[in-house]
Protein backbone atom coordinates (compact mmCIF):
# COMPACT_ATOMS: atom_id res chain seq x y z
CA UNK A 1 -100.18 -39.93 -150.33
CA UNK A 2 -96.55 -39.47 -148.83
CA UNK A 3 -94.60 -42.51 -147.53
CA UNK A 4 -94.80 -43.22 -143.90
CA UNK A 5 -92.00 -41.78 -141.99
CA UNK A 6 -89.58 -43.87 -139.49
CA UNK A 7 -88.01 -42.14 -137.05
CA UNK A 8 -83.73 -42.44 -136.72
CA UNK A 9 -84.26 -44.32 -133.71
CA UNK A 10 -85.79 -47.17 -135.52
CA UNK A 11 -89.34 -46.63 -133.65
CA UNK A 12 -92.73 -47.65 -135.37
CA UNK A 13 -93.35 -45.85 -138.85
CA UNK A 14 -95.56 -42.60 -138.23
CA UNK A 15 -98.13 -41.48 -140.66
CA UNK A 16 -96.90 -38.25 -142.53
CA UNK A 17 -99.67 -36.18 -142.16
CA UNK A 18 -99.54 -36.50 -138.28
CA UNK A 19 -95.98 -35.38 -138.48
CA UNK A 20 -96.73 -32.44 -140.59
CA UNK A 21 -99.47 -31.67 -138.30
CA UNK A 22 -97.01 -31.91 -135.12
CA UNK A 23 -94.80 -29.23 -137.20
CA UNK A 24 -97.60 -27.01 -137.98
CA UNK A 25 -98.45 -26.51 -134.41
CA UNK A 26 -95.00 -26.09 -133.32
CA UNK A 27 -94.76 -23.45 -136.37
CA UNK A 28 -97.78 -21.61 -135.10
CA UNK A 29 -96.25 -21.55 -131.58
CA UNK A 30 -93.17 -19.58 -132.79
CA UNK A 31 -95.78 -17.30 -134.89
CA UNK A 32 -97.75 -16.44 -131.74
CA UNK A 33 -94.76 -15.90 -129.44
CA UNK A 34 -93.18 -13.73 -132.19
CA UNK A 35 -91.93 -10.51 -131.07
CA UNK A 36 -93.47 -8.55 -134.05
CA UNK A 37 -93.62 -5.04 -133.35
CA UNK A 38 -96.54 -5.07 -136.30
CA UNK A 39 -98.87 -6.98 -138.23
CA UNK A 40 -96.81 -6.71 -141.62
CA UNK A 41 -93.86 -8.08 -139.58
CA UNK A 42 -95.96 -10.66 -138.17
CA UNK A 43 -96.67 -11.85 -141.25
CA UNK A 44 -93.10 -11.90 -142.70
CA UNK A 45 -92.30 -14.39 -139.88
CA UNK A 46 -95.39 -16.62 -140.81
CA UNK A 47 -94.74 -16.75 -144.37
CA UNK A 48 -91.21 -17.91 -143.80
CA UNK A 49 -92.76 -20.68 -141.32
CA UNK A 50 -95.24 -21.75 -144.40
CA UNK A 51 -92.60 -21.58 -146.80
CA UNK A 52 -90.46 -24.17 -144.31
CA UNK A 53 -93.33 -26.18 -143.51
CA UNK A 54 -94.39 -27.20 -147.18
CA UNK A 55 -90.77 -27.73 -148.09
CA UNK A 56 -91.14 -24.78 -150.61
CA UNK A 57 -87.89 -22.46 -151.28
CA UNK A 58 -89.87 -19.14 -152.19
CA UNK A 59 -92.66 -17.48 -151.14
CA UNK A 60 -95.50 -14.40 -151.12
CA UNK A 61 -98.22 -13.11 -149.12
CA UNK A 62 -100.61 -10.46 -150.45
CA UNK A 63 -103.47 -8.65 -148.66
CA UNK A 64 -106.60 -8.80 -150.44
CA UNK A 65 -109.61 -6.23 -150.44
CA UNK A 66 -112.79 -8.27 -151.95
CA UNK A 67 -114.45 -4.42 -152.41
CA UNK A 68 -112.00 -2.96 -154.34
CA UNK A 69 -110.73 -6.40 -155.80
CA UNK A 70 -107.44 -5.77 -155.11
CA UNK A 71 -103.65 -7.16 -153.70
CA UNK A 72 -101.47 -5.43 -151.77
CA UNK A 73 -98.22 -6.92 -151.12
CA UNK A 74 -97.18 -7.72 -147.38
CA UNK A 75 -93.90 -9.52 -148.12
CA UNK A 76 -91.84 -11.82 -150.60
CA UNK A 77 -90.00 -14.13 -149.13
CA UNK A 78 -86.11 -13.64 -148.22
CA UNK A 79 -85.22 -16.20 -150.99
CA UNK A 80 -87.38 -14.74 -153.61
CA UNK A 81 -86.01 -11.31 -153.10
CA UNK A 82 -82.53 -12.65 -153.08
CA UNK A 83 -83.21 -14.20 -156.90
CA UNK A 84 -85.89 -12.02 -158.36
CA UNK A 85 -83.38 -8.90 -160.24
CA UNK A 86 -87.26 -7.07 -161.24
CA UNK A 87 -85.72 -3.15 -160.63
CA UNK A 88 -89.44 -1.94 -160.40
CA UNK A 89 -91.24 -4.09 -158.39
CA UNK A 90 -94.88 -3.50 -157.80
CA UNK A 91 -96.88 -3.81 -154.76
CA UNK A 92 -100.43 -3.24 -155.60
CA UNK A 93 -102.69 -5.33 -158.64
CA UNK A 94 -106.13 -5.00 -159.26
CA UNK A 95 -107.46 -8.44 -159.52
CA UNK A 96 -108.52 -8.25 -163.19
CA UNK A 97 -104.79 -8.18 -164.21
CA UNK A 98 -103.55 -11.21 -162.53
CA UNK A 99 -102.87 -14.76 -164.04
CA UNK A 100 -102.51 -17.73 -162.37
CA UNK A 101 -102.24 -16.64 -159.16
CA UNK A 102 -104.98 -14.98 -158.99
CA UNK A 103 -106.83 -17.84 -159.43
CA UNK A 104 -106.75 -18.41 -155.88
CA UNK A 105 -109.52 -15.36 -155.70
CA UNK A 106 -111.43 -15.92 -158.43
CA UNK A 107 -112.36 -19.64 -157.53
CA UNK A 108 -111.96 -19.32 -153.94
CA UNK A 109 -109.92 -22.32 -153.63
CA UNK A 110 -106.38 -23.57 -153.63
CA UNK A 111 -104.20 -23.53 -157.25
CA UNK A 112 -101.44 -26.07 -157.88
CA UNK A 113 -99.35 -26.08 -160.75
CA UNK A 114 -96.33 -28.91 -160.37
CA UNK A 115 -95.18 -28.06 -163.81
CA UNK A 116 -94.94 -24.22 -164.01
CA UNK A 117 -93.47 -24.48 -167.47
CA UNK A 118 -96.43 -26.42 -169.08
CA UNK A 119 -98.28 -24.45 -170.89
CA UNK A 120 -101.79 -23.13 -169.23
CA UNK A 121 -104.20 -20.69 -170.56
CA UNK A 122 -104.32 -18.87 -167.22
CA UNK A 123 -100.69 -18.01 -167.18
CA UNK A 124 -99.48 -14.38 -168.02
CA UNK A 125 -96.14 -14.93 -168.09
CA UNK A 126 -93.44 -13.86 -165.35
CA UNK A 127 -92.32 -10.49 -165.65
CA UNK A 128 -88.19 -10.02 -166.79
CA UNK A 129 -86.29 -10.85 -163.67
CA UNK A 130 -89.02 -12.96 -161.46
CA UNK A 131 -87.35 -15.83 -159.97
CA UNK A 132 -87.97 -18.67 -161.92
CA UNK A 133 -90.74 -21.07 -161.02
CA UNK A 134 -90.61 -24.78 -161.31
CA UNK A 135 -94.00 -25.66 -158.75
CA UNK A 136 -96.11 -23.37 -157.52
CA UNK A 137 -99.08 -23.34 -154.63
CA UNK A 138 -101.01 -20.75 -153.73
CA UNK A 139 -104.25 -20.74 -151.23
CA UNK A 140 -106.72 -18.02 -150.27
CA UNK A 141 -107.06 -16.72 -146.55
CA UNK A 142 -110.45 -16.37 -145.87
CA UNK A 143 -111.65 -14.69 -142.55
CA UNK A 144 -115.60 -14.84 -141.54
CA UNK A 145 -116.54 -15.58 -145.55
CA UNK A 146 -114.41 -13.04 -146.85
CA UNK A 147 -110.70 -13.44 -148.65
CA UNK A 148 -108.53 -11.13 -146.90
CA UNK A 149 -104.82 -12.39 -148.01
CA UNK A 150 -103.01 -14.69 -150.57
CA UNK A 151 -100.22 -16.88 -149.89
CA UNK A 152 -98.12 -18.36 -152.31
CA UNK A 153 -95.32 -20.89 -151.96
CA UNK A 154 -92.96 -22.22 -154.56
CA UNK A 155 -90.41 -24.34 -155.90
CA UNK A 156 -90.74 -27.51 -153.33
CA UNK A 157 -88.29 -30.44 -154.80
CA UNK A 158 -91.67 -32.89 -154.80
CA UNK A 159 -94.79 -32.34 -156.31
CA UNK A 160 -97.12 -30.23 -154.18
CA UNK A 161 -100.22 -32.66 -153.14
CA UNK A 162 -103.21 -32.21 -150.66
CA UNK A 163 -101.52 -32.68 -147.63
CA UNK A 164 -99.86 -29.41 -148.51
CA UNK A 165 -102.66 -27.83 -149.29
CA UNK A 166 -104.11 -28.93 -146.30
CA UNK A 167 -101.56 -27.82 -144.07
CA UNK A 168 -101.12 -24.25 -145.64
CA UNK A 169 -104.86 -23.49 -144.91
CA UNK A 170 -105.14 -24.68 -141.83
CA UNK A 171 -101.56 -22.51 -141.16
CA UNK A 172 -103.13 -19.53 -142.53
CA UNK A 173 -106.59 -19.90 -140.65
CA UNK A 174 -104.55 -20.03 -137.42
CA UNK A 175 -102.11 -17.25 -138.18
CA UNK A 176 -105.01 -15.10 -139.39
CA UNK A 177 -106.75 -15.48 -135.70
CA UNK A 178 -103.28 -14.13 -134.17
CA UNK A 179 -103.51 -11.25 -136.85
CA UNK A 180 -106.96 -10.41 -136.34
CA UNK A 181 -106.05 -10.30 -132.10
CA UNK A 182 -103.11 -8.41 -132.36
CA UNK A 183 -105.28 -6.10 -134.72
CA UNK A 184 -107.95 -6.06 -131.83
CA UNK A 185 -104.98 -5.08 -128.89
CA UNK A 186 -103.60 -2.45 -131.18
CA UNK A 187 -107.07 -0.73 -131.68
CA UNK A 188 -107.42 -1.47 -128.04
CA UNK A 189 -104.41 0.23 -127.02
CA UNK A 190 -104.95 3.20 -129.06
CA UNK A 191 -108.96 3.57 -127.63
CA UNK A 192 -107.23 3.52 -124.33
CA UNK A 193 -104.69 5.95 -125.38
CA UNK A 194 -107.27 8.43 -126.66
CA UNK A 195 -109.57 7.66 -123.53
CA UNK A 196 -106.50 8.49 -121.50
CA UNK A 197 -105.58 11.74 -122.99
CA UNK A 198 -109.43 12.78 -122.93
CA UNK A 199 -109.47 11.67 -119.34
CA UNK A 200 -106.46 13.47 -118.45
CA UNK A 201 -107.70 17.04 -119.88
CA UNK A 202 -111.11 17.10 -119.19
CA UNK A 203 -111.90 20.54 -117.01
CA UNK A 204 -114.45 18.39 -114.95
CA UNK A 205 -113.21 15.99 -112.42
CA UNK A 206 -114.17 12.33 -112.73
CA UNK A 207 -113.40 9.85 -110.39
CA UNK A 208 -114.48 5.82 -110.80
CA UNK A 209 -115.15 3.72 -107.74
CA UNK A 210 -115.63 -0.12 -108.08
CA UNK A 211 -118.42 -1.93 -106.89
CA UNK A 212 -117.46 -1.66 -103.18
CA UNK A 213 -116.89 2.09 -103.40
CA UNK A 214 -113.04 2.38 -103.93
CA UNK A 215 -111.45 4.87 -105.82
CA UNK A 216 -109.64 3.13 -108.54
CA UNK A 217 -109.22 6.12 -110.55
CA UNK A 218 -109.46 10.19 -110.87
CA UNK A 219 -108.13 12.63 -113.29
CA UNK A 220 -106.25 15.57 -112.57
CA UNK A 221 -109.03 17.99 -112.34
CA UNK A 222 -110.74 15.75 -109.39
CA UNK A 223 -107.40 15.94 -107.52
CA UNK A 224 -107.61 19.51 -107.93
CA UNK A 225 -111.51 19.82 -107.16
CA UNK A 226 -110.67 16.67 -103.91
CA UNK A 227 -107.50 18.32 -102.27
CA UNK A 228 -106.26 15.15 -102.70
CA UNK A 229 -103.76 13.29 -105.24
CA UNK A 230 -105.08 10.20 -106.68
CA UNK A 231 -102.47 8.21 -104.87
CA UNK A 232 -103.80 9.21 -101.48
CA UNK A 233 -107.23 8.93 -102.86
CA UNK A 234 -106.63 5.18 -104.30
CA UNK A 235 -108.67 2.60 -102.70
CA UNK A 236 -110.63 5.07 -100.18
CA UNK A 237 -114.61 4.66 -100.03
CA UNK A 238 -117.15 7.87 -99.19
CA UNK A 239 -117.01 6.55 -96.13
CA UNK A 240 -113.67 7.64 -95.24
CA UNK A 241 -113.14 10.28 -92.59
CA UNK A 242 -110.90 12.23 -94.63
CA UNK A 243 -114.00 13.55 -97.13
CA UNK A 244 -115.49 15.57 -94.62
CA UNK A 245 -118.63 15.66 -96.47
CA UNK A 246 -121.05 18.23 -95.99
CA UNK A 247 -124.66 18.78 -97.04
CA UNK A 248 -125.93 22.32 -98.28
CA UNK A 249 -127.12 23.29 -95.02
CA UNK A 250 -123.88 22.57 -93.14
CA UNK A 251 -124.98 18.70 -91.84
CA UNK A 252 -123.13 16.01 -92.53
CA UNK A 253 -123.85 13.74 -95.58
CA UNK A 254 -123.84 10.02 -94.23
CA UNK A 255 -122.03 7.82 -96.52
CA UNK A 256 -124.98 5.85 -97.52
CA UNK A 257 -126.48 8.77 -98.80
CA UNK A 258 -123.24 9.27 -101.29
CA UNK A 259 -124.34 9.71 -104.77
CA UNK A 260 -122.05 6.83 -105.78
CA UNK A 261 -122.90 4.67 -103.14
CA UNK A 262 -126.92 5.09 -104.27
CA UNK A 263 -126.08 4.56 -107.71
CA UNK A 264 -124.18 1.48 -106.79
CA UNK A 265 -126.71 0.14 -104.94
CA UNK A 266 -129.57 0.93 -106.83
CA UNK A 267 -128.11 0.66 -110.64
CA UNK A 268 -129.45 3.76 -111.58
CA UNK A 269 -127.91 7.71 -111.86
CA UNK A 270 -127.61 10.02 -109.58
CA UNK A 271 -127.80 13.81 -110.89
CA UNK A 272 -126.81 16.99 -109.97
CA UNK A 273 -126.34 16.57 -106.37
CA UNK A 274 -124.39 19.70 -104.41
CA UNK A 275 -122.78 18.91 -101.54
CA UNK A 276 -119.31 20.04 -99.95
CA UNK A 277 -115.74 18.53 -99.62
CA UNK A 278 -113.65 19.63 -97.04
CA UNK A 279 -110.25 20.69 -98.65
CA UNK A 280 -107.41 19.70 -96.54
CA UNK A 281 -104.78 21.54 -98.40
CA UNK A 282 -106.42 24.77 -98.62
CA UNK A 283 -107.84 24.35 -95.28
CA UNK A 284 -111.48 25.46 -97.16
CA UNK A 285 -114.72 23.61 -98.18
CA UNK A 286 -115.03 23.14 -101.94
CA UNK A 287 -118.70 22.95 -102.92
CA UNK A 288 -119.38 20.57 -105.85
CA UNK A 289 -121.54 19.05 -108.11
CA UNK A 290 -121.95 15.82 -108.55
CA UNK A 291 -123.54 13.19 -111.04
CA UNK A 292 -122.97 9.34 -110.18
CA UNK A 293 -123.34 6.66 -113.20
CA UNK A 294 -123.24 2.78 -112.76
CA UNK A 295 -121.66 0.67 -115.19
CA UNK A 296 -122.71 -2.82 -115.98
CA UNK A 297 -120.80 -5.76 -117.86
CA UNK A 298 -122.87 -6.93 -120.99
CA UNK A 299 -125.68 -9.31 -119.52
CA UNK A 300 -125.32 -7.86 -116.06
CA UNK A 301 -127.96 -6.27 -114.19
CA UNK A 302 -125.95 -5.37 -111.01
CA UNK A 303 -123.18 -2.61 -111.79
CA UNK A 304 -119.69 -3.44 -111.14
CA UNK A 305 -118.48 0.03 -111.01
CA UNK A 306 -119.59 3.54 -111.16
CA UNK A 307 -117.99 6.92 -112.01
CA UNK A 308 -118.81 10.22 -110.62
CA UNK A 309 -118.47 13.56 -112.85
CA UNK A 310 -118.37 16.38 -110.82
CA UNK A 311 -117.46 20.42 -110.92
CA UNK A 312 -117.18 23.11 -108.41
CA UNK A 313 -120.54 24.64 -107.87
CA UNK A 314 -121.43 28.17 -106.08
CA UNK A 315 -123.11 27.20 -102.51
């Protein structure tokens, strides 16, 4: 165990583990707020924080693929890179070809060597030019029961102990949650960009309206069909007089009979309704065939939104 620590102000001693917990939380806050442009860059920063937290000098972080049993390098620490003179640095390793550092995966637990120079049957030696190692700690990063990465730190002045293992495990567990959140956010952005590209290029007009019937979005085809820009339509409801909506027989279509209003009220889709909409820009009536589809949040029975694809229709 680490001896209790006394602060410079002469306050009562604190448990060293509590101080490490506080340092880890501060580190995680810095990681979470780090303005990384991508996950590898975030993990670069997290590795340097892990090295500082454990009082180490060197470190590495590899992604791990359980199906392929393969390690892929994310980063070596800055100090490791400066001390390493290997010319052809390998970035991909098969588990079967790894030595002691692969034991973190094979044994699914932390591996500690506080005398790296001592003989060990699991070691396979270091490649020529590798940064010299005195002490070494590596832990697997596990997410949903699967090993997703391996982090290693080395050359702490004092021996690595259970507190180092605990702090590194806790830190990387939290870091990986941040990684997964950022990956989800990136996937969502890509999905939204793809959807927006499709939405904007559809020949069919599409309008989204909220539960109160207010228009919140419309694609360019809908703007063309309805004779209004999105900015002009935004916030309008089907009852707005600017629509001047009529049935096929020329009579006015009451707001409560609009397909989107019925879909929002009943929670059921309304399909293939033909009606006319006065196009003020061209002083004509556009005849359109409309379908209104309600949208539901998971677990809810009432729609929170609806959309109505429409296309021009011969009268």
